[in-house]
Amino acid sequence: MLPPPRPAAATPAPKIADIDQELVLEDLTREQVRNWRVPALKDHQMVFDHIDRYGEPSARRLFSNQLVDQAEALLGAGAWLRRSGRCRRQ
């Protein structure tokens, strides 16, 4: 069993022109994709922030299924369900 993840230091998201607009993955260069993926390998909060803003399918396309699955596993299934709103408290 892995120890729980440590709280990560706030890592600013990569700077992409006008981040307030919708993120279009097809418009990103290889370097921009790399600038998202490399920090996300070290800080899974970037994956969760991306999911919160753009949805899980976008995160799986940008970061990879493996990285999203790994981040979810580290957080724990119960916490992930509550965080994503997929679990209703009774």
N, C-alpha and C. Protein backbone atom coordinates (compact mmCIF):
# COMPACT_ATOMS: atom_id res chain seq x y z
N MET A 1 0.85 -1.18 0.00
CA MET A 1 0.00 0.00 0.00
C MET A 1 0.89 1.24 0.00
N LEU A 2 0.55 2.18 -0.84
CA LEU A 2 1.31 3.41 -0.95
C LEU A 2 0.89 4.39 0.13
N PRO A 3 1.82 5.19 0.62
CA PRO A 3 1.45 6.22 1.58
C PRO A 3 0.59 7.28 0.88
N PRO A 4 -0.23 7.99 1.63
CA PRO A 4 -1.06 9.03 1.01
C PRO A 4 -0.18 10.13 0.42
N PRO A 5 -0.65 10.77 -0.64
CA PRO A 5 0.15 11.82 -1.26
C PRO A 5 0.30 13.01 -0.32
N ARG A 6 1.47 13.63 -0.39
CA ARG A 6 1.70 14.82 0.40
C ARG A 6 1.02 16.01 -0.27
N PRO A 7 0.57 16.98 0.50
CA PRO A 7 0.02 18.18 -0.13
C PRO A 7 1.09 18.84 -0.99
N ALA A 8 0.74 19.13 -2.20
CA ALA A 8 1.70 19.71 -3.13
C ALA A 8 1.73 21.22 -3.01
N ALA A 9 2.89 21.76 -3.27
CA ALA A 9 3.01 23.21 -3.30
C ALA A 9 2.24 23.72 -4.51
N ALA A 10 1.72 24.91 -4.39
CA ALA A 10 0.96 25.47 -5.51
C ALA A 10 1.87 25.64 -6.71
N THR A 11 1.53 24.95 -7.78
CA THR A 11 2.30 25.03 -9.02
C THR A 11 1.46 25.76 -10.04
N PRO A 12 1.95 26.88 -10.55
CA PRO A 12 1.15 27.59 -11.54
C PRO A 12 1.01 26.77 -12.82
N ALA A 13 -0.15 26.85 -13.42
CA ALA A 13 -0.39 26.13 -14.67
C ALA A 13 0.49 26.75 -15.76
N PRO A 14 0.85 25.97 -16.74
CA PRO A 14 1.65 26.51 -17.84
C PRO A 14 0.95 27.69 -18.49
N LYS A 15 1.73 28.65 -18.92
CA LYS A 15 1.15 29.84 -19.52
C LYS A 15 0.85 29.57 -20.99
N ILE A 16 -0.41 29.63 -21.30
CA ILE A 16 -0.88 29.47 -22.67
C ILE A 16 -1.68 30.72 -22.98
N ALA A 17 -1.55 31.22 -24.19
CA ALA A 17 -2.20 32.46 -24.57
C ALA A 17 -3.68 32.44 -24.20
N ASP A 18 -4.08 33.42 -23.42
CA ASP A 18 -5.45 33.63 -23.00
C ASP A 18 -6.10 32.37 -22.42
N ILE A 19 -5.66 32.00 -21.23
CA ILE A 19 -6.11 30.78 -20.57
C ILE A 19 -7.61 30.81 -20.26
N ASP A 20 -8.24 32.00 -20.25
CA ASP A 20 -9.66 32.10 -19.95
C ASP A 20 -10.52 31.53 -21.06
N GLN A 21 -9.98 31.44 -22.26
CA GLN A 21 -10.74 30.86 -23.34
C GLN A 21 -10.72 29.34 -23.21
N GLU A 22 -11.63 28.71 -23.91
CA GLU A 22 -11.70 27.25 -23.89
C GLU A 22 -10.40 26.66 -24.44
N LEU A 23 -9.92 25.64 -23.79
CA LEU A 23 -8.68 24.98 -24.20
C LEU A 23 -8.98 24.03 -25.35
N VAL A 24 -8.32 24.24 -26.48
CA VAL A 24 -8.49 23.38 -27.65
C VAL A 24 -7.21 22.58 -27.79
N LEU A 25 -7.28 21.31 -27.42
CA LEU A 25 -6.08 20.48 -27.39
C LEU A 25 -5.41 20.37 -28.75
N GLU A 26 -6.21 20.38 -29.81
CA GLU A 26 -5.65 20.25 -31.15
C GLU A 26 -4.79 21.44 -31.52
N ASP A 27 -5.00 22.59 -30.88
CA ASP A 27 -4.24 23.80 -31.19
C ASP A 27 -2.91 23.88 -30.44
N LEU A 28 -2.68 22.98 -29.48
CA LEU A 28 -1.45 23.02 -28.70
C LEU A 28 -0.29 22.44 -29.50
N THR A 29 0.87 23.04 -29.34
CA THR A 29 2.08 22.49 -29.96
C THR A 29 2.60 21.35 -29.10
N ARG A 30 3.53 20.59 -29.63
CA ARG A 30 4.13 19.51 -28.85
C ARG A 30 4.79 20.06 -27.59
N GLU A 31 5.43 21.21 -27.73
CA GLU A 31 6.10 21.82 -26.58
C GLU A 31 5.08 22.24 -25.52
N GLN A 32 3.95 22.77 -25.92
CA GLN A 32 2.93 23.17 -24.96
C GLN A 32 2.35 21.95 -24.24
N VAL A 33 2.13 20.87 -24.98
CA VAL A 33 1.64 19.64 -24.35
C VAL A 33 2.66 19.14 -23.34
N ARG A 34 3.92 19.15 -23.72
CA ARG A 34 4.99 18.74 -22.81
C ARG A 34 5.01 19.63 -21.57
N ASN A 35 4.78 20.93 -21.75
CA ASN A 35 4.77 21.87 -20.62
C ASN A 35 3.61 21.61 -19.66
N TRP A 36 2.57 20.95 -20.11
CA TRP A 36 1.48 20.54 -19.23
C TRP A 36 1.80 19.20 -18.58
N ARG A 37 2.32 18.26 -19.37
CA ARG A 37 2.49 16.89 -18.88
C ARG A 37 3.62 16.73 -17.85
N VAL A 38 4.75 17.34 -18.10
CA VAL A 38 5.90 17.14 -17.21
C VAL A 38 5.60 17.59 -15.79
N PRO A 39 5.08 18.80 -15.56
CA PRO A 39 4.76 19.18 -14.18
C PRO A 39 3.65 18.31 -13.57
N ALA A 40 2.71 17.84 -14.40
CA ALA A 40 1.62 17.01 -13.89
C ALA A 40 2.12 15.67 -13.39
N LEU A 41 3.23 15.19 -13.91
CA LEU A 41 3.81 13.94 -13.42
C LEU A 41 4.25 14.08 -11.96
N LYS A 42 4.65 15.28 -11.59
CA LYS A 42 5.14 15.54 -10.23
C LYS A 42 4.04 16.07 -9.31
N ASP A 43 3.05 16.73 -9.89
CA ASP A 43 2.00 17.37 -9.10
C ASP A 43 0.63 16.96 -9.66
N HIS A 44 0.03 15.93 -9.07
CA HIS A 44 -1.23 15.42 -9.58
C HIS A 44 -2.38 16.41 -9.41
N GLN A 45 -2.18 17.43 -8.60
CA GLN A 45 -3.22 18.44 -8.45
C GLN A 45 -3.49 19.13 -9.78
N MET A 46 -2.49 19.22 -10.64
CA MET A 46 -2.70 19.80 -11.97
C MET A 46 -3.72 18.99 -12.76
N VAL A 47 -3.67 17.67 -12.60
CA VAL A 47 -4.63 16.80 -13.29
C VAL A 47 -6.04 17.09 -12.77
N PHE A 48 -6.19 17.16 -11.45
CA PHE A 48 -7.51 17.42 -10.86
C PHE A 48 -8.02 18.81 -11.22
N ASP A 49 -7.13 19.80 -11.25
CA ASP A 49 -7.54 21.14 -11.64
C ASP A 49 -8.03 21.16 -13.09
N HIS A 50 -7.34 20.42 -13.94
CA HIS A 50 -7.75 20.35 -15.35
C HIS A 50 -9.11 19.66 -15.46
N ILE A 51 -9.31 18.59 -14.71
CA ILE A 51 -10.59 17.89 -14.73
C ILE A 51 -11.70 18.81 -14.26
N ASP A 52 -11.45 19.56 -13.20
CA ASP A 52 -12.47 20.48 -12.68
C ASP A 52 -12.87 21.53 -13.72
N ARG A 53 -11.89 21.97 -14.49
CA ARG A 53 -12.16 23.05 -15.45
C ARG A 53 -12.65 22.56 -16.80
N TYR A 54 -12.05 21.49 -17.32
CA TYR A 54 -12.33 21.06 -18.69
C TYR A 54 -12.97 19.68 -18.79
N GLY A 55 -13.02 18.94 -17.71
CA GLY A 55 -13.63 17.62 -17.72
C GLY A 55 -12.60 16.50 -17.84
N GLU A 56 -13.03 15.32 -17.42
CA GLU A 56 -12.13 14.16 -17.42
C GLU A 56 -11.71 13.72 -18.82
N PRO A 57 -12.60 13.73 -19.82
CA PRO A 57 -12.14 13.32 -21.15
C PRO A 57 -10.99 14.18 -21.68
N SER A 58 -11.06 15.48 -21.42
CA SER A 58 -9.98 16.37 -21.84
C SER A 58 -8.68 16.04 -21.11
N ALA A 59 -8.79 15.77 -19.80
CA ALA A 59 -7.60 15.42 -19.02
C ALA A 59 -6.97 14.13 -19.53
N ARG A 60 -7.80 13.15 -19.87
CA ARG A 60 -7.28 11.88 -20.38
C ARG A 60 -6.59 12.07 -21.74
N ARG A 61 -7.08 12.98 -22.55
CA ARG A 61 -6.45 13.24 -23.84
C ARG A 61 -5.15 14.02 -23.67
N LEU A 62 -5.14 14.99 -22.76
CA LEU A 62 -3.94 15.81 -22.58
C LEU A 62 -2.85 15.08 -21.81
N PHE A 63 -3.20 14.49 -20.69
CA PHE A 63 -2.19 13.90 -19.81
C PHE A 63 -1.94 12.42 -20.09
N SER A 64 -2.91 11.67 -20.47
CA SER A 64 -2.89 10.23 -20.78
C SER A 64 -3.80 9.52 -19.78
N ASN A 65 -4.37 8.43 -20.24
CA ASN A 65 -5.23 7.62 -19.36
C ASN A 65 -4.45 7.14 -18.15
N GLN A 66 -3.22 6.74 -18.38
CA GLN A 66 -2.40 6.20 -17.30
C GLN A 66 -2.18 7.22 -16.19
N LEU A 67 -1.86 8.45 -16.55
CA LEU A 67 -1.60 9.48 -15.53
C LEU A 67 -2.87 9.84 -14.77
N VAL A 68 -3.99 9.94 -15.46
CA VAL A 68 -5.25 10.24 -14.78
C VAL A 68 -5.63 9.10 -13.84
N ASP A 69 -5.48 7.86 -14.31
CA ASP A 69 -5.77 6.71 -13.45
C ASP A 69 -4.86 6.69 -12.23
N GLN A 70 -3.59 7.00 -12.43
CA GLN A 70 -2.63 7.02 -11.32
C GLN A 70 -3.02 8.10 -10.30
N ALA A 71 -3.38 9.27 -10.77
CA ALA A 71 -3.78 10.35 -9.87
C ALA A 71 -5.02 9.97 -9.08
N GLU A 72 -5.99 9.35 -9.76
CA GLU A 72 -7.21 8.91 -9.09
C GLU A 72 -6.89 7.86 -8.03
N ALA A 73 -6.00 6.94 -8.35
CA ALA A 73 -5.64 5.88 -7.40
C ALA A 73 -4.95 6.47 -6.18
N LEU A 74 -4.08 7.46 -6.38
CA LEU A 74 -3.39 8.08 -5.26
C LEU A 74 -4.35 8.84 -4.35
N LEU A 75 -5.35 9.43 -4.95
CA LEU A 75 -6.32 10.17 -4.15
C LEU A 75 -7.25 9.23 -3.40
N GLY A 76 -7.53 8.10 -3.99
CA GLY A 76 -8.43 7.13 -3.37
C GLY A 76 -9.81 7.22 -3.98
N ALA A 77 -10.42 6.10 -4.20
CA ALA A 77 -11.69 6.06 -4.91
C ALA A 77 -12.78 6.85 -4.20
N GLY A 78 -12.90 6.72 -2.90
CA GLY A 78 -13.96 7.42 -2.18
C GLY A 78 -13.81 8.92 -2.26
N ALA A 79 -12.61 9.41 -2.05
CA ALA A 79 -12.37 10.85 -2.13
C ALA A 79 -12.58 11.34 -3.56
N TRP A 80 -12.18 10.54 -4.55
CA TRP A 80 -12.36 10.94 -5.94
C TRP A 80 -13.84 11.07 -6.28
N LEU A 81 -14.65 10.13 -5.83
CA LEU A 81 -16.08 10.19 -6.13
C LEU A 81 -16.72 11.41 -5.49
N ARG A 82 -16.35 11.70 -4.26
CA ARG A 82 -16.91 12.89 -3.60
C ARG A 82 -16.45 14.14 -4.31
N ARG A 83 -15.18 14.19 -4.69
CA ARG A 83 -14.60 15.38 -5.32
C ARG A 83 -15.25 15.64 -6.68
N SER A 84 -15.54 14.60 -7.42
CA SER A 84 -16.08 14.76 -8.76
C SER A 84 -17.59 14.93 -8.78
N GLY A 85 -18.23 14.77 -7.62
CA GLY A 85 -19.68 14.90 -7.56
C GLY A 85 -20.41 13.66 -8.02
N ARG A 86 -19.70 12.57 -8.20
CA ARG A 86 -20.32 11.34 -8.67
C ARG A 86 -20.92 10.52 -7.53
N CYS A 87 -20.66 10.94 -6.33
CA CYS A 87 -21.16 10.22 -5.16
C CYS A 87 -22.07 11.16 -4.39
N ARG A 88 -23.28 10.74 -4.13
CA ARG A 88 -24.21 11.57 -3.37
C ARG A 88 -24.18 11.17 -1.91
N ARG A 89 -24.06 12.17 -1.07
CA ARG A 89 -24.13 11.88 0.37
C ARG A 89 -25.58 11.74 0.75
N GLN A 90 -25.85 10.78 1.60
CA GLN A 90 -27.22 10.52 2.00
C GLN A 90 -27.48 11.02 3.39
